[in-house]
Amino acid sequence: MTPGATVESSDRIRLFVALEVPVDVSDLLRHWGEQHLQQGRRVDSFHVTLAFLGAQSRSNVGAIAEVMRREAADTDPFVLAPVGYPRSVGMLVLGDPSGYAASLAERVQRGLEHLGVYEREHRAWLPHITCLRFRARPGLDPPLPELEPFAPSGVAALLSRLHPSGARYEVLESCSVGRRGG
């Protein structure tokens, strides 16, 4: 686990919990985006959101991180792989052949609900990486990136700071994925 980072002076911060994408996968996605995503604003920081919490009190970070650490530790390692790029949205949909990522998302969301810091969305969780932001749907149909199945490099509680050029993320705490004692 990495130590906590500094946060804004405000008591309310914008938080989410996500799977971290390995550096080599991020590099490949950046290169793929430069070649195939010519409209909109390409994203250069990649993750797979498990739960978006929105504005939270800084005092909640420790309890949120504890849920994240507990559930990540109780998860068997898994891989994700690109399976589609829907034309109407700027995301790369990922397959979760083992179902372990979906199980982790479910348990993290349940734990955060129990803390009272998260309200589950009405649609099912879909593992994906946002690759493009836009105002008008570009209707792109790029080929899938030539990306082998990959294991996330960890799970992180992230601070999201909104900027005119796009959101910027800061890892507050991170941990690895892996079954306890295994």
C-alpha atoms as a PDB file:
ATOM      1  CA  MET A   1       0.000   0.000   0.000  1.00  0.00           C
ATOM      2  CA  THR A   2       1.204   3.498  -0.734  1.00  0.00           C
ATOM      3  CA  PRO A   3       0.897   6.304   1.809  1.00  0.00           C
ATOM      4  CA  GLY A   4      -1.867   8.865   1.522  1.00  0.00           C
ATOM      5  CA  ALA A   5      -1.253  11.908  -0.654  1.00  0.00           C
ATOM      6  CA  THR A   6      -2.051  15.486   0.178  1.00  0.00           C
ATOM      7  CA  VAL A   7      -5.561  16.715  -0.509  1.00  0.00           C
ATOM      8  CA  GLU A   8      -7.150  20.080  -1.145  1.00  0.00           C
ATOM      9  CA  SER A   9      -7.744  22.505   1.701  1.00  0.00           C
ATOM     10  CA  SER A  10     -11.533  22.177   1.332  1.00  0.00           C
ATOM     11  CA  ASP A  11     -13.276  19.623   3.531  1.00  0.00           C
ATOM     12  CA  ARG A  12     -15.213  18.320   0.478  1.00  0.00           C
ATOM     13  CA  ILE A  13     -13.241  16.417  -2.141  1.00  0.00           C
ATOM     14  CA  ARG A  14     -14.355  14.516  -5.263  1.00  0.00           C
ATOM     15  CA  LEU A  15     -13.527  10.806  -4.875  1.00  0.00           C
ATOM     16  CA  PHE A  16     -13.739   7.491  -6.667  1.00  0.00           C
ATOM     17  CA  VAL A  17     -12.335   3.981  -6.308  1.00  0.00           C
ATOM     18  CA  ALA A  18     -10.805   2.355  -9.387  1.00  0.00           C
ATOM     19  CA  LEU A  19      -8.630  -0.397 -10.756  1.00  0.00           C
ATOM     20  CA  GLU A  20      -5.260   1.003 -11.795  1.00  0.00           C
ATOM     21  CA  VAL A  21      -4.125   0.314 -15.356  1.00  0.00           C
ATOM     22  CA  PRO A  22      -0.480  -0.787 -15.714  1.00  0.00           C
ATOM     23  CA  VAL A  23       1.932   1.734 -17.246  1.00  0.00           C
ATOM     24  CA  ASP A  24       2.616  -0.378 -20.350  1.00  0.00           C
ATOM     25  CA  VAL A  25      -1.135  -0.707 -21.020  1.00  0.00           C
ATOM     26  CA  SER A  26      -1.608   3.041 -20.521  1.00  0.00           C
ATOM     27  CA  ASP A  27       1.225   3.738 -22.977  1.00  0.00           C
ATOM     28  CA  LEU A  28      -0.352   1.445 -25.561  1.00  0.00           C
ATOM     29  CA  LEU A  29      -3.778   3.080 -25.072  1.00  0.00           C
ATOM     30  CA  ARG A  30      -2.281   6.566 -25.504  1.00  0.00           C
ATOM     31  CA  HIS A  31      -0.618   5.505 -28.758  1.00  0.00           C
ATOM     32  CA  TRP A  32      -3.814   3.781 -29.976  1.00  0.00           C
ATOM     33  CA  GLY A  33      -5.823   6.934 -29.160  1.00  0.00           C
ATOM     34  CA  GLU A  34      -3.403   9.142 -31.094  1.00  0.00           C
ATOM     35  CA  GLN A  35      -3.875   6.903 -34.147  1.00  0.00           C
ATOM     36  CA  HIS A  36      -7.627   6.250 -33.998  1.00  0.00           C
ATOM     37  CA  LEU A  37      -9.418   8.840 -31.851  1.00  0.00           C
ATOM     38  CA  GLN A  38      -9.093  12.033 -33.861  1.00  0.00           C
ATOM     39  CA  GLN A  39     -12.214  13.819 -32.583  1.00  0.00           C
ATOM     40  CA  GLY A  40     -12.960  14.992 -29.062  1.00  0.00           C
ATOM     41  CA  ARG A  41     -10.364  15.183 -26.307  1.00  0.00           C
ATOM     42  CA  ARG A  42      -8.316  12.062 -25.724  1.00  0.00           C
ATOM     43  CA  VAL A  43      -7.793  10.957 -22.147  1.00  0.00           C
ATOM     44  CA  ASP A  44      -4.222  10.371 -20.998  1.00  0.00           C
ATOM     45  CA  SER A  45      -4.868   8.897 -17.541  1.00  0.00           C
ATOM     46  CA  PHE A  46      -6.563   5.502 -17.573  1.00  0.00           C
ATOM     47  CA  HIS A  47      -8.405   3.539 -14.899  1.00  0.00           C
ATOM     48  CA  VAL A  48     -11.437   1.267 -14.484  1.00  0.00           C
ATOM     49  CA  THR A  49     -13.877   2.888 -12.076  1.00  0.00           C
ATOM     50  CA  LEU A  50     -15.318   0.563  -9.449  1.00  0.00           C
ATOM     51  CA  ALA A  51     -17.387   3.238  -7.664  1.00  0.00           C
ATOM     52  CA  PHE A  52     -17.700   6.999  -8.175  1.00  0.00           C
ATOM     53  CA  LEU A  53     -18.462   8.648  -4.855  1.00  0.00           C
ATOM     54  CA  GLY A  54     -18.610  12.321  -5.843  1.00  0.00           C
ATOM     55  CA  ALA A  55     -18.137  15.013  -3.191  1.00  0.00           C
ATOM     56  CA  GLN A  56     -17.084  13.503   0.124  1.00  0.00           C
ATOM     57  CA  SER A  57     -15.735  14.802   3.387  1.00  0.00           C
ATOM     58  CA  ARG A  58     -11.988  14.328   3.748  1.00  0.00           C
ATOM     59  CA  SER A  59     -12.713  12.556   7.018  1.00  0.00           C
ATOM     60  CA  ASN A  60     -14.267   9.662   5.029  1.00  0.00           C
ATOM     61  CA  VAL A  61     -11.070   8.799   3.124  1.00  0.00           C
ATOM     62  CA  GLY A  62      -9.727   6.403   5.769  1.00  0.00           C
ATOM     63  CA  ALA A  63     -12.925   4.343   5.962  1.00  0.00           C
ATOM     64  CA  ILE A  64     -13.269   4.327   2.151  1.00  0.00           C
ATOM     65  CA  ALA A  65      -9.674   3.136   1.808  1.00  0.00           C
ATOM     66  CA  GLU A  66     -10.269   0.410   4.396  1.00  0.00           C
ATOM     67  CA  VAL A  67     -13.193  -0.986   2.363  1.00  0.00           C
ATOM     68  CA  MET A  68     -11.002  -0.857  -0.762  1.00  0.00           C
ATOM     69  CA  ARG A  69      -8.059  -2.614   0.942  1.00  0.00           C
ATOM     70  CA  ARG A  70     -10.209  -5.308   2.546  1.00  0.00           C
ATOM     71  CA  GLU A  71     -12.053  -6.199  -0.664  1.00  0.00           C
ATOM     72  CA  ALA A  72      -8.940  -6.031  -2.872  1.00  0.00           C
ATOM     73  CA  ALA A  73      -7.088  -8.358  -0.493  1.00  0.00           C
ATOM     74  CA  ASP A  74      -9.981 -10.821  -0.620  1.00  0.00           C
ATOM     75  CA  THR A  75      -9.967 -11.060  -4.438  1.00  0.00           C
ATOM     76  CA  ASP A  76      -8.224 -13.618  -6.595  1.00  0.00           C
ATOM     77  CA  PRO A  77      -6.006 -12.077  -9.280  1.00  0.00           C
ATOM     78  CA  PHE A  78      -7.785 -11.565 -12.610  1.00  0.00           C
ATOM     79  CA  VAL A  79      -7.295 -10.180 -16.095  1.00  0.00           C
ATOM     80  CA  LEU A  80      -9.320  -7.827 -18.271  1.00  0.00           C
ATOM     81  CA  ALA A  81      -9.268  -7.567 -22.070  1.00  0.00           C
ATOM     82  CA  PRO A  82     -10.800  -5.188 -24.638  1.00  0.00           C
ATOM     83  CA  VAL A  83     -13.996  -6.537 -26.194  1.00  0.00           C
ATOM     84  CA  GLY A  84     -15.604  -3.480 -27.806  1.00  0.00           C
ATOM     85  CA  TYR A  85     -15.686   0.232 -28.495  1.00  0.00           C
ATOM     86  CA  PRO A  86     -19.314   1.456 -28.630  1.00  0.00           C
ATOM     87  CA  ARG A  87     -19.638   4.157 -31.315  1.00  0.00           C
ATOM     88  CA  SER A  88     -21.770   6.483 -29.195  1.00  0.00           C
ATOM     89  CA  VAL A  89     -19.420   6.698 -26.212  1.00  0.00           C
ATOM     90  CA  GLY A  90     -15.683   7.222 -25.762  1.00  0.00           C
ATOM     91  CA  MET A  91     -14.875   4.070 -23.872  1.00  0.00           C
ATOM     92  CA  LEU A  92     -13.162   0.765 -24.367  1.00  0.00           C
ATOM     93  CA  VAL A  93     -15.372  -1.989 -22.919  1.00  0.00           C
ATOM     94  CA  LEU A  94     -13.435  -4.743 -21.149  1.00  0.00           C
ATOM     95  CA  GLY A  95     -14.208  -8.405 -20.782  1.00  0.00           C
ATOM     96  CA  ASP A  96     -13.935  -9.949 -17.304  1.00  0.00           C
ATOM     97  CA  PRO A  97     -13.725 -13.682 -18.110  1.00  0.00           C
ATOM     98  CA  SER A  98     -13.303 -14.826 -14.495  1.00  0.00           C
ATOM     99  CA  GLY A  99     -15.982 -12.527 -13.091  1.00  0.00           C
ATOM    100  CA  TYR A 100     -13.583 -11.507 -10.307  1.00  0.00           C
ATOM    101  CA  ALA A 101     -13.539  -7.825 -11.319  1.00  0.00           C
ATOM    102  CA  ALA A 102     -17.349  -7.708 -11.205  1.00  0.00           C
ATOM    103  CA  SER A 103     -17.309  -9.446  -7.823  1.00  0.00           C
ATOM    104  CA  LEU A 104     -14.769  -6.917  -6.521  1.00  0.00           C
ATOM    105  CA  ALA A 105     -16.869  -4.006  -7.830  1.00  0.00           C
ATOM    106  CA  GLU A 106     -19.988  -5.453  -6.184  1.00  0.00           C
ATOM    107  CA  ARG A 107     -18.278  -5.915  -2.811  1.00  0.00           C
ATOM    108  CA  VAL A 108     -16.623  -2.467  -2.881  1.00  0.00           C
ATOM    109  CA  GLN A 109     -19.943  -0.831  -3.775  1.00  0.00           C
ATOM    110  CA  ARG A 110     -21.767  -2.754  -1.035  1.00  0.00           C
ATOM    111  CA  GLY A 111     -19.125  -1.787   1.537  1.00  0.00           C
ATOM    112  CA  LEU A 112     -19.286   1.877   0.513  1.00  0.00           C
ATOM    113  CA  GLU A 113     -23.094   1.807   0.669  1.00  0.00           C
ATOM    114  CA  HIS A 114     -22.821   0.374   4.184  1.00  0.00           C
ATOM    115  CA  LEU A 115     -20.613   3.360   5.115  1.00  0.00           C
ATOM    116  CA  GLY A 116     -23.272   5.707   3.701  1.00  0.00           C
ATOM    117  CA  VAL A 117     -20.874   7.309   1.199  1.00  0.00           C
ATOM    118  CA  TYR A 118     -22.133   5.691  -2.010  1.00  0.00           C
ATOM    119  CA  GLU A 119     -25.413   5.248  -3.831  1.00  0.00           C
ATOM    120  CA  ARG A 120     -25.391   2.483  -6.410  1.00  0.00           C
ATOM    121  CA  GLU A 121     -26.275   3.317 -10.009  1.00  0.00           C
ATOM    122  CA  HIS A 122     -29.424   1.757 -11.473  1.00  0.00           C
ATOM    123  CA  ARG A 123     -27.497   0.093 -14.285  1.00  0.00           C
ATOM    124  CA  ALA A 124     -25.146  -2.858 -13.877  1.00  0.00           C
ATOM    125  CA  TRP A 125     -21.423  -2.167 -13.462  1.00  0.00           C
ATOM    126  CA  LEU A 126     -19.591  -2.362 -16.789  1.00  0.00           C
ATOM    127  CA  PRO A 127     -15.800  -2.684 -16.793  1.00  0.00           C
ATOM    128  CA  HIS A 128     -14.469  -0.037 -19.154  1.00  0.00           C
ATOM    129  CA  ILE A 129     -11.719   2.491 -19.703  1.00  0.00           C
ATOM    130  CA  THR A 130     -12.723   5.996 -20.758  1.00  0.00           C
ATOM    131  CA  CYS A 131     -10.536   6.966 -23.721  1.00  0.00           C
ATOM    132  CA  LEU A 132     -12.259  10.049 -25.143  1.00  0.00           C
ATOM    133  CA  ARG A 133     -14.325  12.981 -23.881  1.00  0.00           C
ATOM    134  CA  PHE A 134     -16.540  14.989 -26.225  1.00  0.00           C
ATOM    135  CA  ARG A 135     -19.531  17.328 -26.417  1.00  0.00           C
ATOM    136  CA  ALA A 136     -20.996  15.994 -29.678  1.00  0.00           C
ATOM    137  CA  ARG A 137     -20.818  12.246 -30.224  1.00  0.00           C
ATOM    138  CA  PRO A 138     -18.132  11.616 -32.829  1.00  0.00           C
ATOM    139  CA  GLY A 139     -19.483   8.227 -33.959  1.00  0.00           C
ATOM    140  CA  LEU A 140     -16.006   6.735 -34.204  1.00  0.00           C
ATOM    141  CA  ASP A 141     -15.540   3.067 -35.043  1.00  0.00           C
ATOM    142  CA  PRO A 142     -11.854   2.405 -34.300  1.00  0.00           C
ATOM    143  CA  PRO A 143     -10.297  -1.040 -34.337  1.00  0.00           C
ATOM    144  CA  LEU A 144      -9.738  -2.485 -30.888  1.00  0.00           C
ATOM    145  CA  PRO A 145      -6.243  -1.871 -29.554  1.00  0.00           C
ATOM    146  CA  GLU A 146      -3.858  -4.785 -29.936  1.00  0.00           C
ATOM    147  CA  LEU A 147      -3.790  -5.361 -26.228  1.00  0.00           C
ATOM    148  CA  GLU A 148      -3.280  -8.695 -24.514  1.00  0.00           C
ATOM    149  CA  PRO A 149      -5.379  -9.463 -21.424  1.00  0.00           C
ATOM    150  CA  PHE A 150      -3.904  -7.529 -18.510  1.00  0.00           C
ATOM    151  CA  ALA A 151      -4.071  -7.620 -14.743  1.00  0.00           C
ATOM    152  CA  PRO A 152      -4.734  -4.323 -12.987  1.00  0.00           C
ATOM    153  CA  SER A 153      -1.663  -2.958 -11.244  1.00  0.00           C
ATOM    154  CA  GLY A 154      -3.724  -2.243  -8.137  1.00  0.00           C
ATOM    155  CA  VAL A 155      -6.821  -0.649  -6.688  1.00  0.00           C
ATOM    156  CA  ALA A 156      -6.808   3.014  -5.720  1.00  0.00           C
ATOM    157  CA  ALA A 157      -8.863   5.649  -3.969  1.00  0.00           C
ATOM    158  CA  LEU A 158      -8.495   8.687  -6.220  1.00  0.00           C
ATOM    159  CA  LEU A 159      -9.123  12.382  -5.838  1.00  0.00           C
ATOM    160  CA  SER A 160     -10.590  13.966  -8.977  1.00  0.00           C
ATOM    161  CA  ARG A 161      -9.927  17.654  -9.580  1.00  0.00           C
ATOM    162  CA  LEU A 162     -11.911  19.279 -12.359  1.00  0.00           C
ATOM    163  CA  HIS A 163      -9.990  21.578 -14.721  1.00  0.00           C
ATOM    164  CA  PRO A 164     -10.911  23.237 -18.028  1.00  0.00           C
ATOM    165  CA  SER A 165      -8.552  20.812 -19.792  1.00  0.00           C
ATOM    166  CA  GLY A 166     -10.200  17.810 -18.107  1.00  0.00           C
ATOM    167  CA  ALA A 167     -10.201  16.029 -14.780  1.00  0.00           C
ATOM    168  CA  ARG A 168      -6.886  15.390 -13.078  1.00  0.00           C
ATOM    169  CA  TYR A 169      -6.468  12.503 -10.703  1.00  0.00           C
ATOM    170  CA  GLU A 170      -4.378  12.044  -7.603  1.00  0.00           C
ATOM    171  CA  VAL A 171      -3.957   8.678  -5.893  1.00  0.00           C
ATOM    172  CA  LEU A 172      -4.758   9.069  -2.203  1.00  0.00           C
ATOM    173  CA  GLU A 173      -4.176   5.407  -1.335  1.00  0.00           C
ATOM    174  CA  SER A 174      -3.532   2.278  -3.343  1.00  0.00           C
ATOM    175  CA  CYS A 175      -3.128  -1.428  -2.715  1.00  0.00           C
ATOM    176  CA  SER A 176      -2.577  -4.595  -4.703  1.00  0.00           C
ATOM    177  CA  VAL A 177      -5.172  -7.172  -5.676  1.00  0.00           C
ATOM    178  CA  GLY A 178      -4.597 -10.572  -4.159  1.00  0.00           C
ATOM    179  CA  ARG A 179      -6.144 -13.225  -2.008  1.00  0.00           C
ATOM    180  CA  ARG A 180      -5.104 -12.982   1.666  1.00  0.00           C
ATOM    181  CA  GLY A 181      -2.483 -15.535   2.585  1.00  0.00           C
ATOM    182  CA  GLY A 182      -2.343 -16.701  -1.018  1.00  0.00           C
END
